[in-house]
Structures are given as structure tokens and as C-alpha cells.
Amino acid sequence: MQETAKKTTEKTAVKTKSKIIDKIVDEAIDRSIDKSVDKTVDKTIDKSAVKDVVKPEVTVVIPNHNGIRFLAECLRAIYGGDLIPEVIMVDNASTDGSVQWTAEHYPQVRTILFDHNTGFCKAVNAGISHSATEFVILLNNDTQTAPGFVSELLRTIKQDRRIFSVAAKMLTLSDPGKIDDAGDYYCALGWAFARGKNQPANRYTSETRIFAACAGAAIYRKKILEELGCFDETYFAYLEDIDIGYRAQIAGYYNLFAPSATVLHAGSAASGSRYNHFKTDYTSRNSIYLISKNMPLLQIIWNLPFFIIGFAVKFLFFLLKGMGPRYLKGLLSGISLSLSKTGRSRRTPFRWQNTGRYLAIQLQLYYNILRCLL
């Protein structure tokens, strides 16, 4: 009995320390946010009239590439919700009849067509630019939203004008009791990772700040998207959501996780399995580009020992999966991209007045190592 009580006391102490650290990190972020940003809290929406009142406020943008097997459930769920948004599907040269099927069954969906696969970033940027609403939700085609998904995302982001994005609670389609993504973190090892991956969903029930929202199911303020230059199309796919969340923090905004906005997610609908050549090529390349683009040179040098450890561990991981050489090739491609004219031109400009924000971000990068490993 004494041993059980001791263990309980130790667990309580750990949770208390974690909450204290979380509070310190949040306070550091608060101090780094530009106080000139309007903090006005929007009025609560009358849910009884939500369909009529807020319809013009939000557009759902769905990038699609040969996703016809998912579209029926995806669109059925969106139009079956308590708030019916505008919907734009951006098609990346599908050959499976996606466009024709959507036109036949959901003629109210606006469709943007590309004659080749432009990648995730260019597709969603096209949808964002064609939207005429204050808020934009990006949604993967392999998702099934809960009835209150749209209204809960909208309610959460309207709490504070400093909020750039709000991530939904993404549940695994094959096992809805487990988390697929509860917001994304980025750490000093150069790793981006999904918060709560494969953990019980009932552990993630509170709104909390995150490093960035997973663009597979998240709401954004269009005005700030445009201010930041939208998604960087150089990424093509993968880590572009970490990048824009990073840039938003540098600009003085922050990102939230909304547990009340739930969505089922199949995962890897366009690229195939979780670990494949396409994903390995782009994630390895983009992991280098992400660092070069957003960190000042001094911060890169400061974190270099962590990066070396992080990329070495990742190399061993992919080596065991038979893709070690491919991962290394991707890293070299990232270095080449970062040093190229295109890479240099897209770097986030360093401004001394943002020093406090860079320090707050660095604190997050350290703390997120613990979040990743524990």
C-alpha cells in the first residue's frame, strides 16, 4: 500500500511539473506576441441560426488527386454538418473520374482543375485565392468530419484575433478511439511530429497551444495567410504546414488545438503507405529547407549539435526500412535547395524586433524534445 501511494504521489508530481513547464512556455509565447495585434474577442455565434448567419464566413478547400474512393463519405459528412460551408475542390489532374463524380452528385461544389499534379501547396493556394470568406478550412479528401466540425473550428478561431490557425482532433479511421493528430510539434532535433499519435483519444480533451496545425484538417484566417504569402509551393508536399505555422509565430500569431472539432482520417490517401519513396524524398528534403528558411544563421549554428543527432537517428531509422540512401539523397537535395536562388529568396527575413519571438520559439524547440521522447 505504501509503495502504491508513493507511485501515485510521483505521478502527480510529474504531471504538476509538466503543467508548470507548459505554463512557462505559454507565458514566453505570450510575451513574444506583438501587443499591437488586435486582441478583440469575437461575439459567440447563435448556434440556432448558425447555418444562415455564418455561411459566408468559411470555405472548405479540399485538394484531390485520384481520391474518388473517399469523396462520397468526405462530402456527405461536410454537407451533413450543423454548418454548411462553401466548398472548393482543387483537382490535381485526377484520372479516376473524381471530377465527373463530384459534378454529378455535388454540383454545388466549386471545382478548380489543374492539368498536372501540382502538389498540395499549389492546390490549396489556388483554393484559398478563390475563396471569398474570412476563414478557410483545409481538409484532406480521406476524411469524415463530425457534425460540429466546422462550427467548432470557427468558434475556436474567433476567440482571439491573434490566433492564426486551429487544428482539429484527427482520429484514426480504422480505430476511432486513437489519435491520428492532435496538433503538430517541431523540436530542436529537426523533427516534426504529430501530437498524441496512436494515443487514446480521451486523453486529448483540452484546448492547448501547438507549434502548428496539421493542414489535413484545420482552419486559417485568410487575411493572415495572405500576409504570410500563403503556403510555400517550393515544398510541394510535407512540412508546409509546419513552415506556415512557424512563420505565423515569427509574425506574432499563435496556433491552437480544438478537441471539440473531430474528424476521422484514413491517412496517406494520395501517396500510399506511411513510409514510401515519395514521402521519404520530400520529408527529408523539406526538413533541411524548413530550417534554412525560418532560422537565422546564429540559431542554426546554436542548434547544429541537435540537428546532427536528430538526422543521424532518422538515417538509421530509414536504413532499417531499406531507404537509408534515399533519405541521405533527400537531405542533400534540401541543402542544394536552401543554397539555390529560389531557396535564398524565400527565407523569412530576420528583424531585430522579432528577437523575443525567436527566443520563445527556441524555448518551444527545447521543450518539444521532451514531448517527443517522453
Protein backbone atom coordinates (compact mmCIF):
# COMPACT_ATOMS: atom_id res chain seq x y z
CA MET A 1 0.00 0.00 0.00
CA GLN A 2 2.84 2.41 0.88
CA GLU A 3 4.58 1.62 -2.44
CA THR A 4 1.32 2.27 -4.40
CA ALA A 5 0.82 5.58 -2.60
CA LYS A 6 4.42 6.55 -3.37
CA LYS A 7 3.97 5.81 -7.11
CA THR A 8 0.73 7.81 -7.16
CA THR A 9 2.50 10.75 -5.49
CA GLU A 10 5.37 10.55 -8.02
CA LYS A 11 2.94 10.53 -11.00
CA THR A 12 1.09 13.53 -9.54
CA ALA A 13 4.38 15.39 -9.13
CA VAL A 14 5.37 14.67 -12.76
CA LYS A 15 2.00 15.91 -14.06
CA THR A 16 2.32 19.04 -11.88
CA LYS A 17 5.82 19.77 -13.24
CA SER A 18 4.58 19.26 -16.79
CA LYS A 19 1.75 21.74 -16.25
CA ILE A 20 4.20 24.26 -14.76
CA ILE A 21 6.52 23.89 -17.78
CA ASP A 22 3.56 24.26 -20.15
CA LYS A 23 2.58 27.46 -18.36
CA ILE A 24 6.13 28.85 -18.60
CA VAL A 25 6.26 28.10 -22.34
CA ASP A 26 2.85 29.69 -22.94
CA GLU A 27 3.84 32.79 -20.96
CA ALA A 28 7.02 33.10 -23.03
CA ILE A 29 4.98 32.89 -26.23
CA ASP A 30 2.55 35.49 -24.88
CA ARG A 31 5.40 37.89 -24.16
CA SER A 32 6.75 37.36 -27.68
CA ILE A 33 3.44 38.15 -29.41
CA ASP A 34 3.14 41.66 -30.78
CA LYS A 35 0.87 43.54 -28.41
CA SER A 36 -0.20 45.76 -31.29
CA VAL A 37 -2.11 42.82 -32.80
CA ASP A 38 -5.84 43.30 -32.19
CA LYS A 39 -6.92 41.02 -29.34
CA THR A 40 -10.64 41.67 -29.75
CA VAL A 41 -12.67 38.58 -28.93
CA ASP A 42 -15.46 37.95 -31.44
CA LYS A 43 -19.02 37.53 -30.17
CA THR A 44 -20.31 34.00 -29.66
CA ILE A 45 -22.34 32.68 -32.58
CA ASP A 46 -26.01 31.86 -32.04
CA LYS A 47 -25.97 28.15 -32.90
CA SER A 48 -29.69 28.09 -33.65
CA ALA A 49 -29.07 30.41 -36.61
CA VAL A 50 -25.54 29.26 -37.49
CA LYS A 51 -26.42 27.92 -40.96
CA ASP A 52 -27.91 31.22 -42.09
CA VAL A 53 -25.56 33.66 -40.35
CA VAL A 54 -22.02 32.27 -40.77
CA LYS A 55 -22.20 30.53 -44.13
CA PRO A 56 -20.29 33.34 -45.88
CA GLU A 57 -17.54 33.29 -43.24
CA VAL A 58 -15.90 29.96 -44.05
CA THR A 59 -14.84 27.99 -47.11
CA VAL A 60 -13.64 24.38 -47.09
CA VAL A 61 -10.84 23.69 -49.58
CA ILE A 62 -10.28 20.03 -50.49
CA PRO A 63 -7.19 19.12 -52.54
CA ASN A 64 -7.81 15.98 -54.59
CA HIS A 65 -5.75 13.58 -56.66
CA ASN A 66 -7.44 10.32 -57.63
CA GLY A 67 -9.45 10.27 -54.43
CA ILE A 68 -12.80 9.16 -55.77
CA ARG A 69 -12.97 6.28 -53.28
CA PHE A 70 -13.00 8.82 -50.42
CA LEU A 71 -15.05 11.69 -51.82
CA ALA A 72 -18.52 10.25 -51.17
CA GLU A 73 -18.00 9.98 -47.40
CA CYS A 74 -15.98 13.19 -47.22
CA LEU A 75 -18.63 15.36 -48.92
CA ARG A 76 -21.55 13.58 -47.28
CA ALA A 77 -20.10 14.44 -43.87
CA ILE A 78 -19.43 18.09 -44.76
CA TYR A 79 -22.94 18.69 -46.08
CA GLY A 80 -24.44 16.77 -43.17
CA GLY A 81 -22.92 19.09 -40.57
CA ASP A 82 -24.61 21.76 -38.45
CA LEU A 83 -22.98 24.49 -40.54
CA ILE A 84 -22.86 24.21 -44.32
CA PRO A 85 -19.76 25.99 -45.69
CA GLU A 86 -18.76 26.95 -49.17
CA VAL A 87 -16.77 24.04 -50.66
CA ILE A 88 -13.99 24.22 -53.25
CA MET A 89 -12.33 21.07 -54.58
CA VAL A 90 -8.97 21.57 -56.26
CA ASP A 91 -8.21 18.65 -58.53
CA ASN A 92 -4.62 17.74 -59.40
CA ALA A 93 -5.22 16.02 -62.75
CA SER A 94 -7.19 13.03 -61.43
CA THR A 95 -7.77 10.17 -63.87
CA ASP A 96 -10.22 8.18 -61.74
CA GLY A 97 -13.37 10.16 -62.53
CA SER A 98 -13.27 12.29 -59.36
CA VAL A 99 -14.25 15.49 -61.14
CA GLN A 100 -17.14 13.93 -63.06
CA TRP A 101 -18.48 12.14 -60.00
CA THR A 102 -18.40 15.32 -57.90
CA ALA A 103 -20.14 17.35 -60.62
CA GLU A 104 -22.89 14.75 -60.82
CA HIS A 105 -23.51 14.17 -57.12
CA TYR A 106 -22.49 17.54 -55.59
CA PRO A 107 -22.95 20.22 -58.26
CA GLN A 108 -22.75 22.92 -55.58
CA VAL A 109 -19.04 22.15 -55.10
CA ARG A 110 -16.84 24.63 -56.97
CA THR A 111 -14.05 22.82 -58.80
CA ILE A 112 -10.62 24.12 -59.82
CA LEU A 113 -8.79 21.94 -62.34
CA PHE A 114 -5.07 21.52 -62.94
CA ASP A 115 -3.73 19.64 -65.96
CA HIS A 116 -0.93 18.04 -63.90
CA ASN A 117 -0.21 17.17 -60.28
CA THR A 118 0.90 20.49 -58.83
CA GLY A 119 1.30 19.18 -55.28
CA PHE A 120 -0.54 20.01 -52.08
CA CYS A 121 0.72 23.58 -51.65
CA LYS A 122 -0.16 24.96 -55.05
CA ALA A 123 -3.54 23.23 -54.92
CA VAL A 124 -4.59 24.70 -51.57
CA ASN A 125 -3.19 28.12 -52.50
CA ALA A 126 -5.47 28.09 -55.55
CA GLY A 127 -8.44 27.21 -53.35
CA ILE A 128 -7.55 29.92 -50.83
CA SER A 129 -7.22 32.58 -53.52
CA HIS A 130 -10.63 31.64 -54.98
CA SER A 131 -12.36 31.74 -51.60
CA ALA A 132 -14.30 34.86 -50.66
CA THR A 133 -14.61 34.24 -46.92
CA GLU A 134 -12.77 35.44 -43.83
CA PHE A 135 -11.82 31.91 -42.81
CA VAL A 136 -10.61 28.92 -44.80
CA ILE A 137 -10.63 25.27 -43.72
CA LEU A 138 -8.17 22.93 -45.41
CA LEU A 139 -9.42 19.36 -45.45
CA ASN A 140 -7.91 16.17 -46.83
CA ASN A 141 -10.17 14.14 -49.12
CA ASP A 142 -9.70 11.00 -46.99
CA THR A 143 -11.55 12.44 -44.00
CA GLN A 144 -15.01 12.19 -42.46
CA THR A 145 -15.96 15.20 -40.36
CA ALA A 146 -18.20 15.13 -37.29
CA PRO A 147 -21.45 17.20 -37.43
CA GLY A 148 -19.98 20.07 -35.37
CA PHE A 149 -16.57 20.09 -37.06
CA VAL A 150 -16.91 23.36 -39.00
CA SER A 151 -18.78 25.32 -36.33
CA GLU A 152 -16.36 24.29 -33.57
CA LEU A 153 -13.31 25.30 -35.59
CA LEU A 154 -14.97 28.62 -36.36
CA ARG A 155 -15.96 29.19 -32.73
CA THR A 156 -12.42 28.50 -31.54
CA ILE A 157 -10.56 30.70 -34.01
CA LYS A 158 -12.94 33.61 -33.32
CA GLN A 159 -11.86 33.69 -29.66
CA ASP A 160 -8.83 35.87 -30.38
CA ARG A 161 -7.64 37.71 -33.49
CA ARG A 162 -4.07 36.64 -32.71
CA ILE A 163 -5.00 33.03 -33.49
CA PHE A 164 -3.70 32.15 -36.93
CA SER A 165 -4.84 28.54 -37.16
CA VAL A 166 -6.79 25.93 -35.23
CA ALA A 167 -6.12 22.21 -35.63
CA ALA A 168 -8.93 19.68 -35.45
CA LYS A 169 -8.84 16.49 -33.41
CA MET A 170 -7.96 13.93 -36.07
CA LEU A 171 -8.90 10.36 -35.17
CA THR A 172 -7.70 7.21 -36.91
CA LEU A 173 -10.41 6.00 -39.28
CA SER A 174 -9.63 2.33 -38.65
CA ASP A 175 -9.56 2.87 -34.87
CA PRO A 176 -11.53 5.99 -33.85
CA GLY A 177 -10.54 5.56 -30.24
CA LYS A 178 -6.98 6.61 -31.09
CA ILE A 179 -5.48 9.94 -32.11
CA ASP A 180 -4.09 10.42 -35.59
CA ASP A 181 -3.09 14.05 -34.97
CA ALA A 182 -3.88 16.50 -32.16
CA GLY A 183 -1.76 19.34 -33.48
CA ASP A 184 1.85 19.31 -34.64
CA TYR A 185 5.07 20.00 -32.78
CA TYR A 186 8.57 20.80 -34.02
CA CYS A 187 11.71 20.29 -31.95
CA ALA A 188 15.41 21.18 -31.88
CA LEU A 189 16.32 17.76 -33.31
CA GLY A 190 14.84 18.91 -36.62
CA TRP A 191 11.85 16.60 -36.19
CA ALA A 192 8.21 17.46 -36.77
CA PHE A 193 5.74 15.10 -35.14
CA ALA A 194 2.04 14.67 -34.58
CA ARG A 195 0.91 15.28 -31.02
CA GLY A 196 -0.77 12.23 -29.49
CA LYS A 197 -0.18 9.86 -32.42
CA ASN A 198 -1.76 6.44 -31.65
CA GLN A 199 -2.65 7.54 -28.11
CA PRO A 200 -6.15 7.14 -26.59
CA ALA A 201 -8.35 9.97 -27.85
CA ASN A 202 -9.89 10.59 -24.42
CA ARG A 203 -6.56 11.96 -23.18
CA TYR A 204 -6.81 14.98 -25.50
CA THR A 205 -9.82 16.96 -24.35
CA SER A 206 -8.46 20.48 -23.71
CA GLU A 207 -7.72 23.41 -25.96
CA THR A 208 -3.99 23.99 -26.00
CA ARG A 209 -1.33 25.84 -27.92
CA ILE A 210 0.59 23.88 -30.51
CA PHE A 211 3.53 24.64 -32.76
CA ALA A 212 1.45 24.33 -35.94
CA ALA A 213 -1.81 22.90 -37.20
CA CYS A 214 -1.87 19.85 -39.46
CA ALA A 215 -3.19 21.19 -42.77
CA GLY A 216 -5.14 17.98 -43.29
CA ALA A 217 -7.94 19.37 -41.09
CA ALA A 218 -7.51 22.93 -39.84
CA ILE A 219 -8.98 26.41 -40.09
CA TYR A 220 -6.96 29.51 -41.00
CA ARG A 221 -7.52 33.26 -41.16
CA LYS A 222 -7.35 34.16 -44.84
CA LYS A 223 -6.04 37.67 -44.14
CA ILE A 224 -3.04 36.31 -42.24
CA LEU A 225 -2.46 33.62 -44.88
CA GLU A 226 -2.17 36.37 -47.45
CA GLU A 227 0.03 38.42 -45.12
CA LEU A 228 2.42 35.47 -44.81
CA GLY A 229 2.36 34.72 -48.54
CA CYS A 230 0.24 31.56 -48.17
CA PHE A 231 1.82 28.10 -48.38
CA ASP A 232 5.30 27.91 -49.85
CA GLU A 233 4.87 25.95 -53.09
CA THR A 234 8.55 25.01 -53.05
CA TYR A 235 7.65 22.32 -50.51
CA PHE A 236 5.27 20.62 -52.97
CA ALA A 237 4.06 18.41 -50.10
CA TYR A 238 5.01 17.63 -46.47
CA LEU A 239 6.13 20.04 -43.72
CA GLU A 240 4.48 23.00 -45.47
CA ASP A 241 2.06 23.25 -42.53
CA ILE A 242 4.91 23.34 -40.01
CA ASP A 243 6.52 26.07 -42.10
CA ILE A 244 3.49 28.35 -42.21
CA GLY A 245 2.80 27.81 -38.50
CA TYR A 246 6.45 28.70 -37.81
CA ARG A 247 6.20 31.88 -39.91
CA ALA A 248 2.98 32.84 -38.16
CA GLN A 249 4.71 32.67 -34.78
CA ILE A 250 7.58 34.81 -36.03
CA ALA A 251 4.97 37.33 -37.20
CA GLY A 252 3.35 37.44 -33.76
CA TYR A 253 0.44 34.98 -34.02
CA TYR A 254 -0.20 31.59 -32.44
CA ASN A 255 -1.88 28.25 -33.19
CA LEU A 256 -4.41 26.21 -31.20
CA PHE A 257 -5.78 22.68 -30.95
CA ALA A 258 -9.57 22.31 -30.72
CA PRO A 259 -10.63 18.94 -29.23
CA SER A 260 -14.31 19.66 -29.93
CA ALA A 261 -13.74 19.64 -33.73
CA THR A 262 -13.33 15.95 -34.55
CA VAL A 263 -12.65 14.23 -37.84
CA LEU A 264 -11.80 10.69 -38.93
CA HIS A 265 -8.70 10.36 -41.12
CA ALA A 266 -7.63 7.42 -43.28
CA GLY A 267 -4.10 8.74 -43.90
CA SER A 268 -1.68 8.66 -46.87
CA ALA A 269 -4.53 8.64 -49.39
CA ALA A 270 -2.53 10.30 -52.16
CA SER A 271 0.97 8.97 -51.52
CA GLY A 272 0.22 5.41 -50.41
CA SER A 273 1.69 3.80 -47.26
CA ARG A 274 3.03 5.75 -44.30
CA TYR A 275 6.65 5.16 -45.38
CA ASN A 276 7.24 5.26 -49.11
CA HIS A 277 9.74 6.69 -51.59
CA PHE A 278 7.64 9.75 -52.43
CA LYS A 279 7.19 10.74 -48.79
CA THR A 280 10.80 9.98 -47.85
CA ASP A 281 12.13 12.11 -50.71
CA TYR A 282 10.09 15.17 -49.80
CA THR A 283 10.18 14.97 -46.00
CA SER A 284 13.97 14.62 -45.93
CA ARG A 285 14.47 17.44 -48.44
CA ASN A 286 11.95 19.72 -46.77
CA SER A 287 13.32 19.12 -43.27
CA ILE A 288 16.52 20.89 -44.30
CA TYR A 289 14.72 23.62 -46.24
CA LEU A 290 12.46 24.31 -43.24
CA ILE A 291 15.48 25.05 -41.04
CA SER A 292 17.27 27.18 -43.62
CA LYS A 293 14.15 29.18 -44.39
CA ASN A 294 12.98 30.07 -40.89
CA MET A 295 16.03 30.16 -38.63
CA PRO A 296 18.57 32.98 -38.54
CA LEU A 297 22.15 31.77 -39.08
CA LEU A 298 23.04 32.11 -35.39
CA GLN A 299 20.08 29.94 -34.40
CA ILE A 300 21.08 27.29 -36.95
CA ILE A 301 24.61 27.20 -35.53
CA TRP A 302 23.24 27.08 -31.97
CA ASN A 303 21.05 24.07 -32.80
CA LEU A 304 23.57 22.30 -35.04
CA PRO A 305 24.57 19.64 -32.45
CA PHE A 306 20.90 18.73 -32.00
CA PHE A 307 20.36 18.61 -35.77
CA ILE A 308 23.30 16.26 -36.25
CA ILE A 309 21.90 13.88 -33.63
CA GLY A 310 18.36 14.13 -35.00
CA PHE A 311 19.26 13.49 -38.63
CA ALA A 312 21.63 10.65 -37.67
CA VAL A 313 18.83 8.90 -35.77
CA LYS A 314 16.47 9.39 -38.70
CA PHE A 315 19.04 7.99 -41.11
CA LEU A 316 19.37 4.83 -39.01
CA PHE A 317 15.57 4.55 -38.89
CA PHE A 318 15.25 4.73 -42.68
CA LEU A 319 18.27 2.47 -43.13
CA LEU A 320 16.41 -0.26 -41.26
CA LYS A 321 13.49 0.26 -43.64
CA GLY A 322 15.77 -0.09 -46.65
CA MET A 323 15.60 3.61 -47.55
CA GLY A 324 18.76 4.97 -45.90
CA PRO A 325 20.47 6.09 -49.15
CA ARG A 326 17.22 7.68 -50.32
CA TYR A 327 16.94 9.64 -47.07
CA LEU A 328 20.53 10.92 -47.42
CA LYS A 329 19.86 11.92 -51.01
CA GLY A 330 16.85 13.90 -49.80
CA LEU A 331 18.95 15.73 -47.20
CA LEU A 332 21.49 16.68 -49.87
CA SER A 333 18.65 17.86 -52.08
CA GLY A 334 17.44 20.03 -49.19
CA ILE A 335 20.87 21.60 -48.79
CA SER A 336 21.01 22.28 -52.52
CA LEU A 337 17.53 23.83 -52.46
CA SER A 338 18.39 26.00 -49.46
CA LEU A 339 21.50 27.38 -51.17
CA SER A 340 19.77 27.93 -54.50
CA LYS A 341 18.46 31.28 -55.71
CA THR A 342 14.91 30.09 -55.07
CA GLY A 343 15.70 28.91 -51.54
CA ARG A 344 17.52 32.11 -50.59
CA SER A 345 14.73 34.29 -51.98
CA ARG A 346 12.11 32.56 -49.82
CA ARG A 347 13.89 32.88 -46.48
CA THR A 348 11.90 34.55 -43.74
CA PRO A 349 13.51 37.99 -43.27
CA PHE A 350 15.17 38.44 -39.89
CA ARG A 351 14.14 41.52 -37.97
CA TRP A 352 15.67 42.52 -34.64
CA GLN A 353 12.26 43.48 -33.24
CA ASN A 354 11.30 39.80 -33.53
CA THR A 355 14.15 38.64 -31.28
CA GLY A 356 11.79 37.91 -28.39
CA ARG A 357 9.68 35.70 -30.63
CA TYR A 358 12.73 33.77 -31.83
CA LEU A 359 13.71 33.16 -28.20
CA ALA A 360 10.20 31.97 -27.36
CA ILE A 361 10.27 29.62 -30.36
CA GLN A 362 13.67 28.29 -29.28
CA LEU A 363 12.22 27.53 -25.85
CA GLN A 364 9.49 25.53 -27.57
CA LEU A 365 12.07 23.63 -29.65
CA TYR A 366 13.84 22.51 -26.47
CA TYR A 367 10.64 21.59 -24.62
CA ASN A 368 9.30 19.71 -27.62
CA ILE A 369 12.29 17.35 -27.46
CA LEU A 370 10.93 16.21 -24.11
CA ARG A 371 7.42 15.96 -25.53
CA CYS A 372 8.72 13.78 -28.33
CA LEU A 373 10.80 11.46 -26.18
CA LEU A 374 8.54 11.08 -23.15
